[in-house]
């Protein structure tokens, strides 16, 4: 019984294998007939890749160097007392913009005012003494001329007159010094700027020897400067632009591009290159009339160094990297992709300058190039020059 069942199973397997072989053979025959019936070149035409192209542009390409800079005030002053006295009053509010020469603090001036009055009295006394000594000298000279006096008396009168004059000069100097110290009891803004937090309240004793930030810190807000660095290889370009006599314009752009940018001029190149980083420090000054730049903040910086005339440029997205360097796909004759090795130059926004390898007007692929190979047939749609293409093609 078991033997009959095994023979039946073998028979079923053989019939199934024969059926599969016949079906596969028929499929191969039909495919060969379809290929023979298709026109020549039909397979390549059916494999055309959909791409987006733009024409390589020609025109003035801006020479811009980019960096990140830090806003710095031109001056920061810690306002301190120059005499020892008691703080009586504060004449401004924290965070206020103050003008140069504006009264900020008043100190107790009674002691110094009394000293000034004492100096004035001493001067009056010495003036009287000097007047008397001059009269004594004149009488001694007259008596000696009439042989009624002695040379010793004349010498004594001369010395007394000189001593009185010297005392008067000393008292006048003391008066000037005390008047100056008295003026220090009214503290004025040494620069125009924004006042920080007041660190001493009225009633406290202040002194010129006090350590710390002083009474308040003033920060100059107009103008300000931005310090930034560039690679040392860019130094010749910057020096060439400075040598024209017109300092390069510098733009300070908020991070993310939101907000208004500010324009200043480059006015400082450091005297040496930082060997550790291979960079050179530069600074640009900004009027900052609208207070758009705040000391301590960071800004994107662009330095305009002129233009490259009649430069060929393409959207940066068209560039790819290969073993031989940068390349683009150019749509050539018969709508086929040509791999073109190019030499890129400067980058400005979403466009790249092409120094060599491409002519103006040639159509380069900006979308779909990742699916291409040299010689592949393409079906192109025209994109907007300079715009980032859609990736949905």
Protein backbone atom coordinates (compact mmCIF):
# COMPACT_ATOMS: atom_id res chain seq x y z
CA UNK A 1 0.00 0.00 0.00
CA UNK A 2 2.78 2.38 0.94
CA UNK A 3 4.62 1.58 -2.28
CA UNK A 4 1.60 2.56 -4.39
CA UNK A 5 1.29 5.89 -2.55
CA UNK A 6 4.98 6.77 -3.15
CA UNK A 7 4.66 5.99 -6.87
CA UNK A 8 1.63 8.28 -7.08
CA UNK A 9 3.47 11.17 -5.39
CA UNK A 10 6.39 10.90 -7.79
CA UNK A 11 4.02 11.03 -10.72
CA UNK A 12 2.38 14.20 -9.42
CA UNK A 13 5.77 15.92 -8.98
CA UNK A 14 6.84 15.08 -12.50
CA UNK A 15 3.62 16.45 -14.00
CA UNK A 16 3.98 19.70 -12.01
CA UNK A 17 7.61 20.24 -13.11
CA UNK A 18 6.65 19.73 -16.72
CA UNK A 19 3.91 22.30 -16.44
CA UNK A 20 6.25 24.94 -14.91
CA UNK A 21 8.89 24.39 -17.60
CA UNK A 22 6.32 24.84 -20.36
CA UNK A 23 4.96 28.09 -18.85
CA UNK A 24 8.45 29.56 -18.50
CA UNK A 25 9.39 28.58 -22.02
CA UNK A 26 6.29 30.24 -23.44
CA UNK A 27 7.06 33.50 -21.52
CA UNK A 28 10.62 33.62 -22.89
CA UNK A 29 9.40 33.11 -26.43
CA UNK A 30 6.81 35.87 -26.13
CA UNK A 31 9.42 38.31 -24.67
CA UNK A 32 11.84 37.61 -27.54
CA UNK A 33 9.07 38.25 -30.08
CA UNK A 34 8.13 41.57 -28.38
CA UNK A 35 11.76 42.72 -28.37
CA UNK A 36 12.15 41.89 -32.04
CA UNK A 37 8.98 43.79 -32.92
CA UNK A 38 10.03 46.99 -31.00
CA UNK A 39 11.66 49.80 -33.05
CA UNK A 40 15.39 50.46 -32.72
CA UNK A 41 16.29 52.71 -29.76
CA UNK A 42 12.90 52.32 -28.14
CA UNK A 43 14.33 51.12 -24.82
CA UNK A 44 16.58 54.20 -24.38
CA UNK A 45 13.79 56.57 -25.27
CA UNK A 46 11.55 55.00 -22.69
CA UNK A 47 14.25 55.46 -20.00
CA UNK A 48 14.40 59.30 -20.29
CA UNK A 49 14.80 60.93 -16.86
CA UNK A 50 12.69 63.92 -15.91
CA UNK A 51 14.93 66.82 -14.79
CA UNK A 52 14.71 70.58 -14.15
CA UNK A 53 17.27 72.81 -15.87
CA UNK A 54 18.30 76.47 -15.82
CA UNK A 55 20.61 78.40 -18.08
CA UNK A 56 24.02 79.39 -16.74
CA UNK A 57 23.89 83.15 -16.16
CA UNK A 58 26.49 85.78 -17.02
CA UNK A 59 26.95 89.13 -15.28
CA UNK A 60 28.61 90.94 -12.39
CA UNK A 61 29.16 88.51 -9.53
CA UNK A 62 29.63 90.15 -6.13
CA UNK A 63 32.85 89.47 -4.24
CA UNK A 64 31.60 89.00 -0.67
CA UNK A 65 33.42 87.52 2.28
CA UNK A 66 31.29 86.17 5.10
CA UNK A 67 31.99 85.71 8.78
CA UNK A 68 30.42 86.03 12.24
CA UNK A 69 31.21 89.14 14.27
CA UNK A 70 30.74 90.44 17.78
CA UNK A 71 29.37 93.93 18.47
CA UNK A 72 31.74 96.01 20.61
CA UNK A 73 31.29 99.50 22.09
CA UNK A 74 33.97 102.04 21.25
CA UNK A 75 34.15 103.06 24.91
CA UNK A 76 33.06 101.66 28.27
CA UNK A 77 33.60 103.89 31.31
CA UNK A 78 33.18 102.99 34.98
CA UNK A 79 32.10 106.25 36.64
CA UNK A 80 33.80 106.66 40.04
CA UNK A 81 34.16 109.35 42.67
CA UNK A 82 37.47 111.23 42.74
CA UNK A 83 37.05 112.46 46.33
CA UNK A 84 35.89 110.98 49.61
CA UNK A 85 32.42 112.19 50.43
CA UNK A 86 28.83 111.10 50.97
CA UNK A 87 26.58 110.43 47.97
CA UNK A 88 23.58 112.75 48.19
CA UNK A 89 21.56 112.24 45.00
CA UNK A 90 21.38 110.45 41.63
CA UNK A 91 20.16 112.54 38.67
CA UNK A 92 19.33 109.78 36.13
CA UNK A 93 17.56 106.44 35.92
CA UNK A 94 19.16 103.08 35.26
CA UNK A 95 19.25 102.19 31.57
CA UNK A 96 18.87 105.82 30.51
CA UNK A 97 20.76 107.31 27.58
CA UNK A 98 22.84 110.21 28.93
CA UNK A 99 24.67 112.96 27.10
CA UNK A 100 28.31 113.80 27.61
CA UNK A 101 28.63 116.41 30.37
CA UNK A 102 25.22 115.63 31.89
CA UNK A 103 25.04 115.75 35.71
CA UNK A 104 24.77 112.23 37.13
CA UNK A 105 25.65 112.32 40.87
CA UNK A 106 25.91 114.96 43.62
CA UNK A 107 28.17 114.48 46.65
CA UNK A 108 28.28 116.36 49.96
CA UNK A 109 30.47 119.44 49.24
CA UNK A 110 30.34 121.31 52.56
CA UNK A 111 33.80 120.32 53.77
CA UNK A 112 35.48 121.20 50.50
CA UNK A 113 33.53 124.45 50.21
CA UNK A 114 34.82 125.45 53.65
CA UNK A 115 38.38 124.67 52.57
CA UNK A 116 37.94 126.87 49.52
CA UNK A 117 36.72 129.73 51.75
CA UNK A 118 39.78 129.24 53.96
CA UNK A 119 42.05 129.45 50.91
CA UNK A 120 40.38 132.68 49.81
CA UNK A 121 41.02 134.20 53.24
CA UNK A 122 44.67 133.12 53.14
CA UNK A 123 45.06 134.79 49.77
CA UNK A 124 43.59 138.03 51.12
CA UNK A 125 46.03 137.93 54.02
CA UNK A 126 49.01 137.28 51.74
CA UNK A 127 47.97 140.06 49.39
CA UNK A 128 48.01 142.48 52.33
CA UNK A 129 51.41 141.23 53.43
CA UNK A 130 52.75 141.60 49.91
CA UNK A 131 51.45 145.18 49.71
CA UNK A 132 53.17 146.07 52.99
CA UNK A 133 56.45 144.40 51.94
CA UNK A 134 56.44 146.34 48.68
CA UNK A 135 56.05 149.60 50.61
CA UNK A 136 58.87 148.63 52.99
CA UNK A 137 61.10 147.86 50.04
CA UNK A 138 60.37 151.24 48.44
CA UNK A 139 61.22 153.11 51.68
CA UNK A 140 64.45 151.16 52.12
CA UNK A 141 65.49 152.06 48.60
CA UNK A 142 64.76 155.76 49.19
CA UNK A 143 66.66 155.85 52.50
CA UNK A 144 69.66 154.16 50.99
CA UNK A 145 69.64 156.65 48.12
CA UNK A 146 69.80 159.52 50.67
CA UNK A 147 72.52 157.76 52.70
CA UNK A 148 70.03 157.56 55.54
CA UNK A 149 69.62 153.79 55.43
CA UNK A 150 71.78 150.70 55.27
CA UNK A 151 72.30 148.04 52.65
CA UNK A 152 71.26 145.40 55.19
CA UNK A 153 67.86 147.03 55.63
CA UNK A 154 67.38 147.11 51.86
CA UNK A 155 68.30 143.44 51.53
CA UNK A 156 65.85 142.51 54.30
CA UNK A 157 63.02 144.44 52.64
CA UNK A 158 63.78 142.80 49.30
CA UNK A 159 63.64 139.31 50.85
CA UNK A 160 60.40 140.08 52.70
CA UNK A 161 58.77 141.25 49.49
CA UNK A 162 59.86 138.08 47.61
CA UNK A 163 58.66 135.86 50.48
CA UNK A 164 55.25 137.54 50.53
CA UNK A 165 54.91 137.08 46.76
CA UNK A 166 55.79 133.37 47.04
CA UNK A 167 53.27 132.84 49.85
CA UNK A 168 50.59 134.45 47.72
CA UNK A 169 51.42 132.11 44.82
CA UNK A 170 51.28 129.06 47.12
CA UNK A 171 47.90 130.07 48.50
CA UNK A 172 46.59 130.66 44.98
CA UNK A 173 47.72 127.15 43.97
CA UNK A 174 46.03 125.69 47.05
CA UNK A 175 42.83 127.54 46.16
CA UNK A 176 42.93 126.18 42.60
CA UNK A 177 43.45 122.62 43.88
CA UNK A 178 40.62 122.85 46.40
CA UNK A 179 38.29 124.36 43.80
CA UNK A 180 39.09 121.42 41.55
CA UNK A 181 38.38 118.95 44.34
CA UNK A 182 35.15 120.82 45.08
CA UNK A 183 34.10 120.38 41.44
CA UNK A 184 34.48 116.62 41.86
CA UNK A 185 31.46 116.62 44.19
CA UNK A 186 29.32 117.04 41.05
CA UNK A 187 29.93 114.01 38.83
CA UNK A 188 29.17 114.50 35.12
CA UNK A 189 28.96 111.92 32.32
CA UNK A 190 32.43 111.57 30.75
CA UNK A 191 30.95 110.15 27.53
CA UNK A 192 27.55 109.86 25.88
CA UNK A 193 26.11 106.41 26.34
CA UNK A 194 23.70 104.11 28.08
CA UNK A 195 23.81 103.92 31.87
CA UNK A 196 23.90 100.52 33.51
CA UNK A 197 22.79 99.57 36.99
CA UNK A 198 23.63 102.02 39.81
CA UNK A 199 25.79 100.16 42.33
CA UNK A 200 25.73 102.77 45.18
CA UNK A 201 22.62 104.35 46.62
CA UNK A 202 22.42 107.83 48.22
CA UNK A 203 23.65 108.00 51.79
CA UNK A 204 26.71 105.81 51.24
CA UNK A 205 30.26 107.07 51.60
CA UNK A 206 32.26 106.91 48.37
CA UNK A 207 35.97 107.22 47.81
CA UNK A 208 38.40 107.42 44.92
CA UNK A 209 40.12 104.25 46.18
CA UNK A 210 36.93 102.16 46.05
CA UNK A 211 37.31 98.93 44.05
CA UNK A 212 34.68 97.41 41.81
CA UNK A 213 32.60 98.83 38.96
CA UNK A 214 32.25 102.27 40.53
CA UNK A 215 28.99 104.16 40.81
CA UNK A 216 27.71 103.15 37.36
CA UNK A 217 29.05 101.91 34.04
CA UNK A 218 28.45 103.94 30.88
CA UNK A 219 28.52 102.12 27.53
CA UNK A 220 28.86 104.09 24.31
CA UNK A 221 26.13 103.04 21.89
CA UNK A 222 26.73 105.37 18.94
CA UNK A 223 28.88 104.54 17.08
CA UNK A 224 29.81 100.89 17.69
CA UNK A 225 32.12 98.46 15.95
CA UNK A 226 31.96 94.79 14.99
CA UNK A 227 35.02 92.59 15.31
CA UNK A 228 35.27 89.48 13.11
CA UNK A 229 37.87 87.18 11.59
CA UNK A 230 38.64 85.99 8.07
CA UNK A 231 40.97 83.24 6.82
CA UNK A 232 44.46 84.52 6.15
CA UNK A 233 44.13 83.60 2.46
CA UNK A 234 41.56 86.40 2.12
CA UNK A 235 43.97 89.07 3.42
CA UNK A 236 45.31 90.09 -0.03
CA UNK A 237 41.75 90.72 -1.27
CA UNK A 238 40.96 92.88 1.73
CA UNK A 239 44.22 94.80 1.45
CA UNK A 240 43.61 95.37 -2.25
CA UNK A 241 40.16 96.80 -1.52
CA UNK A 242 41.54 99.06 1.23
CA UNK A 243 44.28 100.32 -1.11
CA UNK A 244 41.67 101.85 -3.43
CA UNK A 245 41.09 104.60 -0.86
CA UNK A 246 37.45 103.69 -0.37
CA UNK A 247 36.98 101.41 2.67
CA UNK A 248 34.92 98.30 1.86
CA UNK A 249 31.30 98.31 3.02
CA UNK A 250 30.40 95.81 5.73
CA UNK A 251 26.87 94.56 6.41
CA UNK A 252 25.75 93.21 9.78
CA UNK A 253 22.85 90.80 9.34
CA UNK A 254 20.75 89.35 12.19
CA UNK A 255 21.00 85.59 12.64
CA UNK A 256 18.34 83.86 10.60
CA UNK A 257 17.94 86.87 8.33
CA UNK A 258 15.04 88.32 10.33
CA UNK A 259 15.26 92.00 11.16
CA UNK A 260 16.98 94.94 9.52
CA UNK A 261 20.65 94.79 8.60
CA UNK A 262 23.11 97.61 9.28
CA UNK A 263 25.85 98.94 7.01
CA UNK A 264 29.24 100.19 8.16
CA UNK A 265 32.78 100.55 6.84
CA UNK A 266 35.89 98.47 7.42
CA UNK A 267 38.43 100.57 9.35
CA UNK A 268 40.80 98.15 11.05
CA UNK A 269 43.02 95.22 10.04
CA UNK A 270 45.05 93.59 12.78
CA UNK A 271 48.83 93.84 12.58
CA UNK A 272 49.40 90.07 12.74
CA UNK A 273 47.77 86.77 11.86
CA UNK A 274 46.67 84.41 14.59
CA UNK A 275 48.97 81.45 13.96
CA UNK A 276 46.83 79.07 16.02
CA UNK A 277 43.69 79.61 13.92
CA UNK A 278 45.18 80.96 10.68
CA UNK A 279 42.83 83.96 10.76
CA UNK A 280 43.16 87.74 10.72
CA UNK A 281 41.01 90.02 12.90
CA UNK A 282 39.18 92.95 11.30
CA UNK A 283 36.82 95.60 12.65
CA UNK A 284 34.13 97.73 11.05
CA UNK A 285 32.48 100.84 12.46
CA UNK A 286 28.71 101.41 12.38
CA UNK A 287 26.88 104.69 13.11
CA UNK A 288 24.11 102.74 14.91
CA UNK A 289 21.79 105.74 14.97
CA UNK A 290 18.71 103.56 15.51
CA UNK A 291 20.46 101.45 18.19
CA UNK A 292 19.86 98.32 16.13
CA UNK A 293 23.24 96.92 17.14
CA UNK A 294 23.65 95.99 20.81
CA UNK A 295 27.06 95.54 22.44
CA UNK A 296 27.81 91.89 23.06
CA UNK A 297 25.51 90.40 20.43
CA UNK A 298 26.66 88.33 17.45
CA UNK A 299 25.85 89.18 13.86
CA UNK A 300 26.45 87.57 10.47
CA UNK A 301 28.91 89.77 8.60
CA UNK A 302 29.35 90.33 4.86
CA UNK A 303 32.28 92.32 3.47
CA UNK A 304 31.78 93.75 -0.05
CA UNK A 305 35.05 93.80 -1.99
CA UNK A 306 33.68 94.62 -5.45
CA UNK A 307 32.47 92.42 -8.33
CA UNK A 308 33.79 89.99 -10.90
CA UNK A 309 32.55 91.34 -14.24
CA UNK A 310 30.95 89.00 -16.81
CA UNK A 311 31.20 86.00 -14.50
CA UNK A 312 29.35 82.76 -15.25
CA UNK A 313 27.25 81.47 -12.34
CA UNK A 314 24.79 78.66 -11.62
CA UNK A 315 22.58 77.70 -8.68
CA UNK A 316 24.76 76.06 -6.07
CA UNK A 317 22.42 73.05 -5.96
CA UNK A 318 23.57 72.11 -9.47
CA UNK A 319 27.12 71.37 -8.27
CA UNK A 320 28.17 67.86 -7.28
CA UNK A 321 31.45 66.37 -6.14
CA UNK A 322 33.22 63.47 -7.83
CA UNK A 323 36.63 61.87 -8.00
CA UNK A 324 37.82 64.54 -10.43
CA UNK A 325 36.38 67.41 -8.39
CA UNK A 326 33.25 69.50 -8.86
CA UNK A 327 30.96 68.78 -11.82
CA UNK A 328 27.54 69.61 -13.23
CA UNK A 329 25.25 67.87 -15.67
CA UNK A 330 24.72 69.85 -18.87
CA UNK A 331 21.89 69.01 -21.29
CA UNK A 332 23.53 68.68 -24.68
CA UNK A 333 22.53 67.57 -28.15
CA UNK A 334 19.68 65.09 -28.52
CA UNK A 335 18.58 65.89 -24.95
CA UNK A 336 21.30 63.80 -23.35
CA UNK A 337 23.13 64.53 -20.10
CA UNK A 338 26.78 65.49 -20.30
CA UNK A 339 28.95 65.33 -17.17
CA UNK A 340 31.01 68.52 -17.14
CA UNK A 341 33.92 69.03 -14.71
CA UNK A 342 33.98 72.70 -13.59
CA UNK A 343 36.04 74.98 -11.38
CA UNK A 344 33.83 76.76 -8.84
CA UNK A 345 34.72 80.20 -7.52
CA UNK A 346 32.96 82.44 -5.03
CA UNK A 347 29.58 81.70 -3.48
CA UNK A 348 26.89 84.34 -3.01
CA UNK A 349 23.65 83.21 -1.43
CA UNK A 350 22.31 80.27 -3.44
CA UNK A 351 24.54 80.88 -6.49
CA UNK A 352 28.12 79.84 -7.23
CA UNK A 353 30.55 81.43 -9.64
CA UNK A 354 32.00 79.05 -12.25
CA UNK A 355 35.57 80.02 -13.12
CA UNK A 356 36.14 77.40 -15.81
CA UNK A 357 34.33 74.53 -17.55
CA UNK A 358 31.00 76.16 -18.41
CA UNK A 359 29.72 78.84 -20.78
CA UNK A 360 26.88 81.28 -20.27
CA UNK A 361 23.59 80.01 -21.64
CA UNK A 362 24.34 76.30 -21.29
CA UNK A 363 21.52 74.43 -19.58
CA UNK A 364 22.55 72.77 -16.32
CA UNK A 365 20.46 70.29 -14.33
CA UNK A 366 19.35 71.60 -10.92
CA UNK A 367 16.87 68.87 -10.01
CA UNK A 368 16.99 65.16 -10.84
CA UNK A 369 20.77 65.03 -11.30
CA UNK A 370 21.13 62.32 -8.66
CA UNK A 371 19.35 59.91 -11.02
CA UNK A 372 21.53 60.76 -14.02
CA UNK A 373 24.58 59.21 -15.66
CA UNK A 374 26.68 60.57 -18.50
CA UNK A 375 24.88 60.09 -21.82
CA UNK A 376 21.49 59.42 -20.27
CA UNK A 377 18.42 60.69 -22.10
CA UNK A 378 16.58 63.43 -20.25
CA UNK A 379 13.21 65.09 -20.39
CA UNK A 380 13.73 68.64 -19.15
CA UNK A 381 11.55 71.32 -17.64
CA UNK A 382 12.78 74.89 -17.23
CA UNK A 383 13.30 76.17 -13.69
CA UNK A 384 13.69 79.65 -12.26
CA UNK A 385 17.35 80.80 -12.39
CA UNK A 386 18.83 81.11 -8.94
CA UNK A 387 15.86 79.53 -7.16
CA UNK A 388 16.07 76.34 -5.17
CA UNK A 389 14.21 73.73 -7.23
CA UNK A 390 11.56 71.39 -6.00
CA UNK A 391 12.64 67.85 -5.16
CA UNK A 392 9.36 66.34 -6.29
CA UNK A 393 10.32 65.75 -9.97
